Amino acid sequence: MGISTHVLDVSRGRPAAGVRVVLECRRGGGEDGDGWRRLGHGATDDDGRVTTLLPEAKTLEAGVHRLTFYLGEWFAARDVEAFYPQAVIVFEVREPEEHHHVPLLLSPFGYSTYRGS
């Protein structure tokens, strides 16, 4: 199936619209983090969601993936000083037939994530 994300700015209590997000998968079985292949990208909509990270004809495959959220540029555009220029979430897809939702809760000086539904 697919993958989606939802970004909420908990410091403002609002969705984070316009956050650039990139989805990649790791090539091969190495643990060193080299060899990432870009699968798709997007930016959060007015509700803080990206539902089209993969092109329509593609499906999510089993393996290690990562989502990179470009937070520094998003906060800078709002004239907010932030500590993390990026949030990089690495996760493993074991059941590609299931939908994977990876939300991000952010503030200028922290973030958290979890596997959503």
PDB file of N, CA and C in Angstrom:
ATOM      1  N   MET A   1       0.837  -1.183   0.000  1.00  0.00           N
ATOM      2  CA  MET A   1       0.000   0.000   0.000  1.00  0.00           C
ATOM      3  C   MET A   1       0.874   1.236   0.000  1.00  0.00           C
ATOM      4  N   GLY A   2       0.469   2.245   0.711  1.00  0.00           N
ATOM      5  CA  GLY A   2       1.163   3.518   0.632  1.00  0.00           C
ATOM      6  C   GLY A   2       1.713   4.007   1.936  1.00  0.00           C
ATOM      7  N   ILE A   3       2.107   5.257   1.897  1.00  0.00           N
ATOM      8  CA  ILE A   3       2.672   5.912   3.072  1.00  0.00           C
ATOM      9  C   ILE A   3       2.172   7.351   3.099  1.00  0.00           C
ATOM     10  N   SER A   4       1.940   7.850   4.301  1.00  0.00           N
ATOM     11  CA  SER A   4       1.518   9.235   4.473  1.00  0.00           C
ATOM     12  C   SER A   4       2.155   9.785   5.737  1.00  0.00           C
ATOM     13  N   THR A   5       2.092  11.100   5.872  1.00  0.00           N
ATOM     14  CA  THR A   5       2.602  11.756   7.071  1.00  0.00           C
ATOM     15  C   THR A   5       1.702  12.935   7.410  1.00  0.00           C
ATOM     16  N   HIS A   6       1.832  13.393   8.628  1.00  0.00           N
ATOM     17  CA  HIS A   6       1.057  14.519   9.133  1.00  0.00           C
ATOM     18  C   HIS A   6       1.984  15.271  10.077  1.00  0.00           C
ATOM     19  N   VAL A   7       2.175  16.567   9.847  1.00  0.00           N
ATOM     20  CA  VAL A   7       3.098  17.352  10.664  1.00  0.00           C
ATOM     21  C   VAL A   7       2.300  18.392  11.438  1.00  0.00           C
ATOM     22  N   LEU A   8       2.474  18.364  12.757  1.00  0.00           N
ATOM     23  CA  LEU A   8       1.791  19.317  13.633  1.00  0.00           C
ATOM     24  C   LEU A   8       2.827  20.119  14.408  1.00  0.00           C
ATOM     25  N   ASP A   9       2.662  21.424  14.419  1.00  0.00           N
ATOM     26  CA  ASP A   9       3.524  22.310  15.192  1.00  0.00           C
ATOM     27  C   ASP A   9       2.882  22.455  16.575  1.00  0.00           C
ATOM     28  N   VAL A  10       3.393  21.720  17.546  1.00  0.00           N
ATOM     29  CA  VAL A  10       2.785  21.724  18.879  1.00  0.00           C
ATOM     30  C   VAL A  10       3.030  23.038  19.617  1.00  0.00           C
ATOM     31  N   SER A  11       4.016  23.829  19.187  1.00  0.00           N
ATOM     32  CA  SER A  11       4.247  25.117  19.835  1.00  0.00           C
ATOM     33  C   SER A  11       3.156  26.129  19.479  1.00  0.00           C
ATOM     34  N   ARG A  12       2.494  25.915  18.353  1.00  0.00           N
ATOM     35  CA  ARG A  12       1.400  26.798  17.939  1.00  0.00           C
ATOM     36  C   ARG A  12       0.042  26.115  18.016  1.00  0.00           C
ATOM     37  N   GLY A  13       0.057  24.790  18.203  1.00  0.00           N
ATOM     38  CA  GLY A  13      -1.194  24.047  18.239  1.00  0.00           C
ATOM     39  C   GLY A  13      -1.884  24.014  16.888  1.00  0.00           C
ATOM     40  N   ARG A  14      -1.077  23.939  15.807  1.00  0.00           N
ATOM     41  CA  ARG A  14      -1.634  24.002  14.456  1.00  0.00           C
ATOM     42  C   ARG A  14      -0.889  23.044  13.519  1.00  0.00           C
ATOM     43  N   PRO A  15      -1.529  22.673  12.417  1.00  0.00           N
ATOM     44  CA  PRO A  15      -0.814  21.911  11.389  1.00  0.00           C
ATOM     45  C   PRO A  15       0.336  22.751  10.826  1.00  0.00           C
ATOM     46  N   ALA A  16       1.375  22.080  10.401  1.00  0.00           N
ATOM     47  CA  ALA A  16       2.531  22.748   9.809  1.00  0.00           C
ATOM     48  C   ALA A  16       2.431  22.625   8.289  1.00  0.00           C
ATOM     49  N   ALA A  17       1.882  23.644   7.654  1.00  0.00           N
ATOM     50  CA  ALA A  17       1.714  23.642   6.196  1.00  0.00           C
ATOM     51  C   ALA A  17       3.003  24.088   5.525  1.00  0.00           C
ATOM     52  N   GLY A  18       3.372  23.401   4.445  1.00  0.00           N
ATOM     53  CA  GLY A  18       4.527  23.803   3.656  1.00  0.00           C
ATOM     54  C   GLY A  18       5.852  23.192   4.059  1.00  0.00           C
ATOM     55  N   VAL A  19       5.842  22.151   4.897  1.00  0.00           N
ATOM     56  CA  VAL A  19       7.093  21.466   5.266  1.00  0.00           C
ATOM     57  C   VAL A  19       7.471  20.530   4.119  1.00  0.00           C
ATOM     58  N   ARG A  20       8.689  20.672   3.619  1.00  0.00           N
ATOM     59  CA  ARG A  20       9.187  19.804   2.554  1.00  0.00           C
ATOM     60  C   ARG A  20       9.563  18.450   3.158  1.00  0.00           C
ATOM     61  N   VAL A  21       9.162  17.352   2.481  1.00  0.00           N
ATOM     62  CA  VAL A  21       9.394  15.995   2.968  1.00  0.00           C
ATOM     63  C   VAL A  21       9.924  15.142   1.813  1.00  0.00           C
ATOM     64  N   VAL A  22      10.952  14.327   2.099  1.00  0.00           N
ATOM     65  CA  VAL A  22      11.513  13.414   1.103  1.00  0.00           C
ATOM     66  C   VAL A  22      11.450  11.999   1.657  1.00  0.00           C
ATOM     67  N   LEU A  23      11.009  11.050   0.824  1.00  0.00           N
ATOM     68  CA  LEU A  23      10.959   9.623   1.172  1.00  0.00           C
ATOM     69  C   LEU A  23      12.041   8.895   0.400  1.00  0.00           C
ATOM     70  N   GLU A  24      12.831   8.080   1.120  1.00  0.00           N
ATOM     71  CA  GLU A  24      13.896   7.290   0.500  1.00  0.00           C
ATOM     72  C   GLU A  24      13.870   5.868   1.034  1.00  0.00           C
ATOM     73  N   CYS A  25      14.492   4.949   0.293  1.00  0.00           N
ATOM     74  CA  CYS A  25      14.687   3.589   0.794  1.00  0.00           C
ATOM     75  C   CYS A  25      16.175   3.268   0.711  1.00  0.00           C
ATOM     76  N   ARG A  26      16.618   2.391   1.610  1.00  0.00           N
ATOM     77  CA  ARG A  26      18.030   2.022   1.645  1.00  0.00           C
ATOM     78  C   ARG A  26      18.283   0.904   0.658  1.00  0.00           C
ATOM     79  N   ARG A  27      19.306   1.070  -0.138  1.00  0.00           N
ATOM     80  CA  ARG A  27      19.708   0.019  -1.081  1.00  0.00           C
ATOM     81  C   ARG A  27      20.548  -1.003  -0.330  1.00  0.00           C
ATOM     82  N   GLY A  28      20.386  -2.255  -0.648  1.00  0.00           N
ATOM     83  CA  GLY A  28      21.198  -3.292  -0.032  1.00  0.00           C
ATOM     84  C   GLY A  28      20.898  -3.462   1.441  1.00  0.00           C
ATOM     85  N   GLY A  29      21.694  -4.268   2.115  1.00  0.00           N
ATOM     86  CA  GLY A  29      21.433  -4.583   3.510  1.00  0.00           C
ATOM     87  C   GLY A  29      22.359  -3.915   4.493  1.00  0.00           C
ATOM     88  N   GLY A  30      23.165  -2.966   4.050  1.00  0.00           N
ATOM     89  CA  GLY A  30      24.143  -2.339   4.932  1.00  0.00           C
ATOM     90  C   GLY A  30      23.516  -1.493   6.015  1.00  0.00           C
ATOM     91  N   GLU A  31      24.190  -1.429   7.144  1.00  0.00           N
ATOM     92  CA  GLU A  31      23.721  -0.629   8.275  1.00  0.00           C
ATOM     93  C   GLU A  31      24.381   0.742   8.322  1.00  0.00           C
ATOM     94  N   ASP A  32      25.287   1.023   7.372  1.00  0.00           N
ATOM     95  CA  ASP A  32      26.057   2.260   7.450  1.00  0.00           C
ATOM     96  C   ASP A  32      25.307   3.491   6.963  1.00  0.00           C
ATOM     97  N   GLY A  33      24.133   3.316   6.393  1.00  0.00           N
ATOM     98  CA  GLY A  33      23.340   4.462   5.981  1.00  0.00           C
ATOM     99  C   GLY A  33      23.660   4.969   4.591  1.00  0.00           C
ATOM    100  N   ASP A  34      24.657   4.381   3.910  1.00  0.00           N
ATOM    101  CA  ASP A  34      24.969   4.794   2.550  1.00  0.00           C
ATOM    102  C   ASP A  34      23.995   4.145   1.581  1.00  0.00           C
ATOM    103  N   GLY A  35      23.873   4.728   0.424  1.00  0.00           N
ATOM    104  CA  GLY A  35      23.104   4.092  -0.625  1.00  0.00           C
ATOM    105  C   GLY A  35      21.604   4.286  -0.536  1.00  0.00           C
ATOM    106  N   TRP A  36      21.155   5.470  -0.206  1.00  0.00           N
ATOM    107  CA  TRP A  36      19.725   5.740  -0.158  1.00  0.00           C
ATOM    108  C   TRP A  36      19.227   6.102  -1.546  1.00  0.00           C
ATOM    109  N   ARG A  37      18.050   5.622  -1.889  1.00  0.00           N
ATOM    110  CA  ARG A  37      17.417   5.912  -3.178  1.00  0.00           C
ATOM    111  C   ARG A  37      16.132   6.684  -2.936  1.00  0.00           C
ATOM    112  N   ARG A  38      16.000   7.801  -3.614  1.00  0.00           N
ATOM    113  CA  ARG A  38      14.812   8.649  -3.455  1.00  0.00           C
ATOM    114  C   ARG A  38      13.610   8.002  -4.138  1.00  0.00           C
ATOM    115  N   LEU A  39      12.520   7.881  -3.372  1.00  0.00           N
ATOM    116  CA  LEU A  39      11.282   7.304  -3.895  1.00  0.00           C
ATOM    117  C   LEU A  39      10.245   8.357  -4.231  1.00  0.00           C
ATOM    118  N   GLY A  40      10.237   9.440  -3.466  1.00  0.00           N
ATOM    119  CA  GLY A  40       9.240  10.476  -3.683  1.00  0.00           C
ATOM    120  C   GLY A  40       9.461  11.641  -2.752  1.00  0.00           C
ATOM    121  N   HIS A  41       8.646  12.670  -2.953  1.00  0.00           N
ATOM    122  CA  HIS A  41       8.763  13.876  -2.133  1.00  0.00           C
ATOM    123  C   HIS A  41       7.453  14.639  -2.208  1.00  0.00           C
ATOM    124  N   GLY A  42       7.336  15.609  -1.338  1.00  0.00           N
ATOM    125  CA  GLY A  42       6.150  16.454  -1.333  1.00  0.00           C
ATOM    126  C   GLY A  42       6.295  17.525  -0.284  1.00  0.00           C
ATOM    127  N   ALA A  43       5.235  18.276  -0.094  1.00  0.00           N
ATOM    128  CA  ALA A  43       5.180  19.287   0.950  1.00  0.00           C
ATOM    129  C   ALA A  43       3.831  19.175   1.629  1.00  0.00           C
ATOM    130  N   THR A  44       3.809  19.455   2.912  1.00  0.00           N
ATOM    131  CA  THR A  44       2.557  19.332   3.659  1.00  0.00           C
ATOM    132  C   THR A  44       1.537  20.357   3.162  1.00  0.00           C
ATOM    133  N   ASP A  45       0.277  19.941   3.134  1.00  0.00           N
ATOM    134  CA  ASP A  45      -0.808  20.820   2.708  1.00  0.00           C
ATOM    135  C   ASP A  45      -1.271  21.687   3.886  1.00  0.00           C
ATOM    136  N   ASP A  46      -2.365  22.412   3.700  1.00  0.00           N
ATOM    137  CA  ASP A  46      -2.858  23.317   4.747  1.00  0.00           C
ATOM    138  C   ASP A  46      -3.229  22.594   6.033  1.00  0.00           C
ATOM    139  N   ASP A  47      -3.503  21.292   5.937  1.00  0.00           N
ATOM    140  CA  ASP A  47      -3.831  20.491   7.110  1.00  0.00           C
ATOM    141  C   ASP A  47      -2.589  19.786   7.663  1.00  0.00           C
ATOM    142  N   GLY A  48      -1.403  20.088   7.112  1.00  0.00           N
ATOM    143  CA  GLY A  48      -0.160  19.489   7.579  1.00  0.00           C
ATOM    144  C   GLY A  48       0.069  18.074   7.079  1.00  0.00           C
ATOM    145  N   ARG A  49      -0.657  17.657   6.053  1.00  0.00           N
ATOM    146  CA  ARG A  49      -0.579  16.271   5.573  1.00  0.00           C
ATOM    147  C   ARG A  49       0.100  16.162   4.210  1.00  0.00           C
ATOM    148  N   VAL A  50       0.770  15.027   4.007  1.00  0.00           N
ATOM    149  CA  VAL A  50       1.261  14.633   2.692  1.00  0.00           C
ATOM    150  C   VAL A  50       0.755  13.208   2.476  1.00  0.00           C
ATOM    151  N   THR A  51      -0.083  13.035   1.483  1.00  0.00           N
ATOM    152  CA  THR A  51      -0.642  11.707   1.202  1.00  0.00           C
ATOM    153  C   THR A  51      -0.094  11.128  -0.092  1.00  0.00           C
ATOM    154  N   THR A  52       0.693  11.902  -0.823  1.00  0.00           N
ATOM    155  CA  THR A  52       1.188  11.460  -2.129  1.00  0.00           C
ATOM    156  C   THR A  52       2.708  11.422  -2.171  1.00  0.00           C
ATOM    157  N   LEU A  53       3.343  10.801  -1.196  1.00  0.00           N
ATOM    158  CA  LEU A  53       4.798  10.707  -1.194  1.00  0.00           C
ATOM    159  C   LEU A  53       5.308   9.759  -2.274  1.00  0.00           C
ATOM    160  N   LEU A  54       4.541   8.747  -2.587  1.00  0.00           N
ATOM    161  CA  LEU A  54       4.902   7.816  -3.657  1.00  0.00           C
ATOM    162  C   LEU A  54       4.117   8.162  -4.908  1.00  0.00           C
ATOM    163  N   PRO A  55       4.742   8.080  -6.077  1.00  0.00           N
ATOM    164  CA  PRO A  55       3.968   8.231  -7.304  1.00  0.00           C
ATOM    165  C   PRO A  55       2.850   7.191  -7.347  1.00  0.00           C
ATOM    166  N   GLU A  56       1.761   7.509  -8.023  1.00  0.00           N
ATOM    167  CA  GLU A  56       0.576   6.648  -8.011  1.00  0.00           C
ATOM    168  C   GLU A  56       0.848   5.212  -8.426  1.00  0.00           C
ATOM    169  N   ALA A  57       1.732   4.995  -9.380  1.00  0.00           N
ATOM    170  CA  ALA A  57       2.000   3.649  -9.895  1.00  0.00           C
ATOM    171  C   ALA A  57       2.910   2.832  -8.982  1.00  0.00           C
ATOM    172  N   LYS A  58       3.516   3.468  -7.973  1.00  0.00           N
ATOM    173  CA  LYS A  58       4.457   2.770  -7.090  1.00  0.00           C
ATOM    174  C   LYS A  58       3.778   2.289  -5.819  1.00  0.00           C
ATOM    175  N   THR A  59       4.308   1.206  -5.275  1.00  0.00           N
ATOM    176  CA  THR A  59       3.859   0.715  -3.974  1.00  0.00           C
ATOM    177  C   THR A  59       5.064   0.677  -3.036  1.00  0.00           C
ATOM    178  N   LEU A  60       4.775   0.754  -1.758  1.00  0.00           N
ATOM    179  CA  LEU A  60       5.826   0.693  -0.752  1.00  0.00           C
ATOM    180  C   LEU A  60       6.312  -0.746  -0.649  1.00  0.00           C
ATOM    181  N   GLU A  61       7.616  -0.930  -0.664  1.00  0.00           N
ATOM    182  CA  GLU A  61       8.185  -2.271  -0.569  1.00  0.00           C
ATOM    183  C   GLU A  61       8.762  -2.503   0.823  1.00  0.00           C
ATOM    184  N   ALA A  62       8.930  -3.767   1.182  1.00  0.00           N
ATOM    185  CA  ALA A  62       9.564  -4.105   2.458  1.00  0.00           C
ATOM    186  C   ALA A  62      10.998  -3.578   2.462  1.00  0.00           C
ATOM    187  N   GLY A  63      11.474  -3.195   3.639  1.00  0.00           N
ATOM    188  CA  GLY A  63      12.844  -2.712   3.770  1.00  0.00           C
ATOM    189  C   GLY A  63      12.923  -1.484   4.646  1.00  0.00           C
ATOM    190  N   VAL A  64      14.134  -0.950   4.748  1.00  0.00           N
ATOM    191  CA  VAL A  64      14.389   0.220   5.582  1.00  0.00           C
ATOM    192  C   VAL A  64      14.169   1.478   4.747  1.00  0.00           C
ATOM    193  N   HIS A  65      13.407   2.389   5.307  1.00  0.00           N
ATOM    194  CA  HIS A  65      13.067   3.649   4.644  1.00  0.00           C
ATOM    195  C   HIS A  65      13.403   4.811   5.571  1.00  0.00           C
ATOM    196  N   ARG A  66      13.438   6.000   4.997  1.00  0.00           N
ATOM    197  CA  ARG A  66      13.578   7.185   5.827  1.00  0.00           C
ATOM    198  C   ARG A  66      12.769   8.332   5.233  1.00  0.00           C
ATOM    199  N   LEU A  67      12.243   9.118   6.139  1.00  0.00           N
ATOM    200  CA  LEU A  67      11.576  10.367   5.809  1.00  0.00           C
ATOM    201  C   LEU A  67      12.442  11.491   6.335  1.00  0.00           C
ATOM    202  N   THR A  68      12.724  12.471   5.499  1.00  0.00           N
ATOM    203  CA  THR A  68      13.466  13.651   5.923  1.00  0.00           C
ATOM    204  C   THR A  68      12.528  14.843   5.852  1.00  0.00           C
ATOM    205  N   PHE A  69      12.368  15.506   6.981  1.00  0.00           N
ATOM    206  CA  PHE A  69      11.532  16.694   7.092  1.00  0.00           C
ATOM    207  C   PHE A  69      12.467  17.895   7.183  1.00  0.00           C
ATOM    208  N   TYR A  70      12.319  18.861   6.310  1.00  0.00           N
ATOM    209  CA  TYR A  70      13.197  20.031   6.269  1.00  0.00           C
ATOM    210  C   TYR A  70      12.628  21.124   7.166  1.00  0.00           C
ATOM    211  N   LEU A  71      12.981  21.038   8.447  1.00  0.00           N
ATOM    212  CA  LEU A  71      12.413  21.917   9.461  1.00  0.00           C
ATOM    213  C   LEU A  71      13.081  23.284   9.505  1.00  0.00           C
ATOM    214  N   GLY A  72      14.383  23.335   9.305  1.00  0.00           N
ATOM    215  CA  GLY A  72      15.105  24.601   9.392  1.00  0.00           C
ATOM    216  C   GLY A  72      14.562  25.636   8.428  1.00  0.00           C
ATOM    217  N   GLU A  73      14.367  25.228   7.200  1.00  0.00           N
ATOM    218  CA  GLU A  73      13.855  26.172   6.198  1.00  0.00           C
ATOM    219  C   GLU A  73      12.413  26.565   6.510  1.00  0.00           C
ATOM    220  N   TRP A  74      11.637  25.629   7.061  1.00  0.00           N
ATOM    221  CA  TRP A  74      10.238  25.920   7.398  1.00  0.00           C
ATOM    222  C   TRP A  74      10.171  26.948   8.537  1.00  0.00           C
ATOM    223  N   PHE A  75      10.952  26.723   9.597  1.00  0.00           N
ATOM    224  CA  PHE A  75      10.961  27.677  10.706  1.00  0.00           C
ATOM    225  C   PHE A  75      11.560  29.017  10.266  1.00  0.00           C
ATOM    226  N   ALA A  76      12.623  29.002   9.469  1.00  0.00           N
ATOM    227  CA  ALA A  76      13.252  30.247   9.014  1.00  0.00           C
ATOM    228  C   ALA A  76      12.271  31.101   8.213  1.00  0.00           C
ATOM    229  N   ALA A  77      11.432  30.464   7.413  1.00  0.00           N
ATOM    230  CA  ALA A  77      10.438  31.200   6.630  1.00  0.00           C
ATOM    231  C   ALA A  77       9.421  31.894   7.528  1.00  0.00           C
ATOM    232  N   ARG A  78       9.322  31.451   8.785  1.00  0.00           N
ATOM    233  CA  ARG A  78       8.406  32.043   9.759  1.00  0.00           C
ATOM    234  C   ARG A  78       9.157  32.927  10.755  1.00  0.00           C
ATOM    235  N   ASP A  79      10.451  33.137  10.486  1.00  0.00           N
ATOM    236  CA  ASP A  79      11.313  33.951  11.340  1.00  0.00           C
ATOM    237  C   ASP A  79      11.366  33.418  12.768  1.00  0.00           C
ATOM    238  N   VAL A  80      11.471  32.077  12.853  1.00  0.00           N
ATOM    239  CA  VAL A  80      11.548  31.396  14.145  1.00  0.00           C
ATOM    240  C   VAL A  80      12.895  30.679  14.220  1.00  0.00           C
ATOM    241  N   GLU A  81      13.639  30.936  15.290  1.00  0.00           N
ATOM    242  CA  GLU A  81      14.898  30.228  15.507  1.00  0.00           C
ATOM    243  C   GLU A  81      14.586  28.806  15.943  1.00  0.00           C
ATOM    244  N   ALA A  82      15.260  27.842  15.311  1.00  0.00           N
ATOM    245  CA  ALA A  82      15.014  26.430  15.631  1.00  0.00           C
ATOM    246  C   ALA A  82      16.338  25.696  15.781  1.00  0.00           C
ATOM    247  N   PHE A  83      16.321  24.625  16.536  1.00  0.00           N
ATOM    248  CA  PHE A  83      17.526  23.853  16.823  1.00  0.00           C
ATOM    249  C   PHE A  83      17.817  22.792  15.765  1.00  0.00           C
ATOM    250  N   TYR A  84      16.787  22.149  15.241  1.00  0.00           N
ATOM    251  CA  TYR A  84      16.954  21.039  14.304  1.00  0.00           C
ATOM    252  C   TYR A  84      16.694  21.495  12.866  1.00  0.00           C
ATOM    253  N   PRO A  85      17.714  21.465  11.995  1.00  0.00           N
ATOM    254  CA  PRO A  85      17.484  21.826  10.601  1.00  0.00           C
ATOM    255  C   PRO A  85      16.678  20.758   9.851  1.00  0.00           C
ATOM    256  N   GLN A  86      16.789  19.523  10.326  1.00  0.00           N
ATOM    257  CA  GLN A  86      16.044  18.419   9.722  1.00  0.00           C
ATOM    258  C   GLN A  86      15.618  17.443  10.812  1.00  0.00           C
ATOM    259  N   ALA A  87      14.527  16.750  10.533  1.00  0.00           N
ATOM    260  CA  ALA A  87      14.167  15.574  11.331  1.00  0.00           C
ATOM    261  C   ALA A  87      14.236  14.404  10.363  1.00  0.00           C
ATOM    262  N   VAL A  88      15.084  13.438  10.673  1.00  0.00           N
ATOM    263  CA  VAL A  88      15.261  12.268   9.817  1.00  0.00           C
ATOM    264  C   VAL A  88      14.734  11.059  10.572  1.00  0.00           C
ATOM    265  N   ILE A  89      13.674  10.468  10.045  1.00  0.00           N
ATOM    266  CA  ILE A  89      13.020   9.334  10.689  1.00  0.00           C
ATOM    267  C   ILE A  89      13.301   8.092   9.853  1.00  0.00           C
ATOM    268  N   VAL A  90      14.042   7.135  10.430  1.00  0.00           N
ATOM    269  CA  VAL A  90      14.366   5.888   9.749  1.00  0.00           C
ATOM    270  C   VAL A  90      13.480   4.800  10.345  1.00  0.00           C
ATOM    271  N   PHE A  91      12.829   4.037   9.479  1.00  0.00           N
ATOM    272  CA  PHE A  91      11.888   3.019   9.941  1.00  0.00           C
ATOM    273  C   PHE A  91      11.921   1.828   8.989  1.00  0.00           C
ATOM    274  N   GLU A  92      11.446   0.695   9.486  1.00  0.00           N
ATOM    275  CA  GLU A  92      11.445  -0.522   8.673  1.00  0.00           C
ATOM    276  C   GLU A  92      10.024  -0.927   8.317  1.00  0.00           C
ATOM    277  N   VAL A  93       9.808  -1.146   7.040  1.00  0.00           N
ATOM    278  CA  VAL A  93       8.530  -1.651   6.543  1.00  0.00           C
ATOM    279  C   VAL A  93       8.648  -3.168   6.470  1.00  0.00           C
ATOM    280  N   ARG A  94       7.860  -3.855   7.285  1.00  0.00           N
ATOM    281  CA  ARG A  94       7.858  -5.313   7.289  1.00  0.00           C
ATOM    282  C   ARG A  94       6.629  -5.877   6.589  1.00  0.00           C
ATOM    283  N   GLU A  95       5.572  -5.093   6.576  1.00  0.00           N
ATOM    284  CA  GLU A  95       4.312  -5.537   5.963  1.00  0.00           C
ATOM    285  C   GLU A  95       3.876  -4.494   4.935  1.00  0.00           C
ATOM    286  N   PRO A  96       4.428  -4.568   3.709  1.00  0.00           N
ATOM    287  CA  PRO A  96       4.164  -3.535   2.714  1.00  0.00           C
ATOM    288  C   PRO A  96       2.711  -3.472   2.252  1.00  0.00           C
ATOM    289  N   GLU A  97       1.936  -4.495   2.533  1.00  0.00           N
ATOM    290  CA  GLU A  97       0.520  -4.484   2.150  1.00  0.00           C
ATOM    291  C   GLU A  97      -0.308  -3.578   3.069  1.00  0.00           C
ATOM    292  N   GLU A  98       0.261  -3.173   4.194  1.00  0.00           N
ATOM    293  CA  GLU A  98      -0.421  -2.258   5.111  1.00  0.00           C
ATOM    294  C   GLU A  98      -0.067  -0.815   4.784  1.00  0.00           C
ATOM    295  N   HIS A  99      -0.968   0.089   5.096  1.00  0.00           N
ATOM    296  CA  HIS A  99      -0.664   1.515   4.945  1.00  0.00           C
ATOM    297  C   HIS A  99       0.217   1.943   6.123  1.00  0.00           C
ATOM    298  N   HIS A 100       1.212   2.767   5.851  1.00  0.00           N
ATOM    299  CA  HIS A 100       2.111   3.269   6.881  1.00  0.00           C
ATOM    300  C   HIS A 100       1.917   4.771   7.010  1.00  0.00           C
ATOM    301  N   HIS A 101       1.576   5.209   8.216  1.00  0.00           N
ATOM    302  CA  HIS A 101       1.382   6.629   8.501  1.00  0.00           C
ATOM    303  C   HIS A 101       2.405   7.020   9.560  1.00  0.00           C
ATOM    304  N   VAL A 102       3.242   8.010   9.244  1.00  0.00           N
ATOM    305  CA  VAL A 102       4.331   8.406  10.126  1.00  0.00           C
ATOM    306  C   VAL A 102       4.165   9.895  10.452  1.00  0.00           C
ATOM    307  N   PRO A 103       3.450  10.218  11.535  1.00  0.00           N
ATOM    308  CA  PRO A 103       3.252  11.613  11.930  1.00  0.00           C
ATOM    309  C   PRO A 103       4.500  12.189  12.603  1.00  0.00           C
ATOM    310  N   LEU A 104       4.604  13.514  12.540  1.00  0.00           N
ATOM    311  CA  LEU A 104       5.688  14.222  13.205  1.00  0.00           C
ATOM    312  C   LEU A 104       5.083  15.369  14.005  1.00  0.00           C
ATOM    313  N   LEU A 105       5.411  15.396  15.292  1.00  0.00           N
ATOM    314  CA  LEU A 105       5.023  16.505  16.171  1.00  0.00           C
ATOM    315  C   LEU A 105       6.277  17.337  16.372  1.00  0.00           C
ATOM    316  N   LEU A 106       6.211  18.634  16.084  1.00  0.00           N
ATOM    317  CA  LEU A 106       7.428  19.431  16.154  1.00  0.00           C
ATOM    318  C   LEU A 106       7.231  20.728  16.931  1.00  0.00           C
ATOM    319  N   SER A 107       8.351  21.238  17.392  1.00  0.00           N
ATOM    320  CA  SER A 107       8.440  22.570  17.981  1.00  0.00           C
ATOM    321  C   SER A 107       9.827  23.078  17.596  1.00  0.00           C
ATOM    322  N   PRO A 108      10.146  24.335  17.854  1.00  0.00           N
ATOM    323  CA  PRO A 108      11.465  24.834  17.450  1.00  0.00           C
ATOM    324  C   PRO A 108      12.641  24.091  18.094  1.00  0.00           C
ATOM    325  N   PHE A 109      12.414  23.444  19.235  1.00  0.00           N
ATOM    326  CA  PHE A 109      13.533  22.812  19.934  1.00  0.00           C
ATOM    327  C   PHE A 109      13.321  21.336  20.241  1.00  0.00           C
ATOM    328  N   GLY A 110      12.417  20.686  19.513  1.00  0.00           N
ATOM    329  CA  GLY A 110      12.218  19.261  19.701  1.00  0.00           C
ATOM    330  C   GLY A 110      11.208  18.710  18.722  1.00  0.00           C
ATOM    331  N   TYR A 111      11.199  17.385  18.615  1.00  0.00           N
ATOM    332  CA  TYR A 111      10.200  16.706  17.789  1.00  0.00           C
ATOM    333  C   TYR A 111      10.021  15.282  18.289  1.00  0.00           C
ATOM    334  N   SER A 112       8.891  14.681  17.937  1.00  0.00           N
ATOM    335  CA  SER A 112       8.644  13.268  18.234  1.00  0.00           C
ATOM    336  C   SER A 112       7.816  12.684  17.111  1.00  0.00           C
ATOM    337  N   THR A 113       7.812  11.375  17.036  1.00  0.00           N
ATOM    338  CA  THR A 113       7.102  10.676  15.986  1.00  0.00           C
ATOM    339  C   THR A 113       6.599   9.347  16.519  1.00  0.00           C
ATOM    340  N   TYR A 114       5.744   8.707  15.764  1.00  0.00           N
ATOM    341  CA  TYR A 114       5.218   7.395  16.120  1.00  0.00           C
ATOM    342  C   TYR A 114       4.616   6.786  14.881  1.00  0.00           C
ATOM    343  N   ARG A 115       4.298   5.509  14.932  1.00  0.00           N
ATOM    344  CA  ARG A 115       3.590   4.888  13.815  1.00  0.00           C
ATOM    345  C   ARG A 115       2.095   5.104  14.027  1.00  0.00           C
ATOM    346  N   GLY A 116       1.511   5.836  13.122  1.00  0.00           N
ATOM    347  CA  GLY A 116       0.087   6.133  13.195  1.00  0.00           C
ATOM    348  C   GLY A 116      -0.729   5.105  12.440  1.00  0.00           C
ATOM    349  N   SER A 117      -1.993   5.424  12.272  1.00  0.00           N
ATOM    350  CA  SER A 117      -2.869   4.504  11.549  1.00  0.00           C
ATOM    351  C   SER A 117      -3.547   5.226  10.393  1.00  0.00           C
TER     352      SER A 117
END
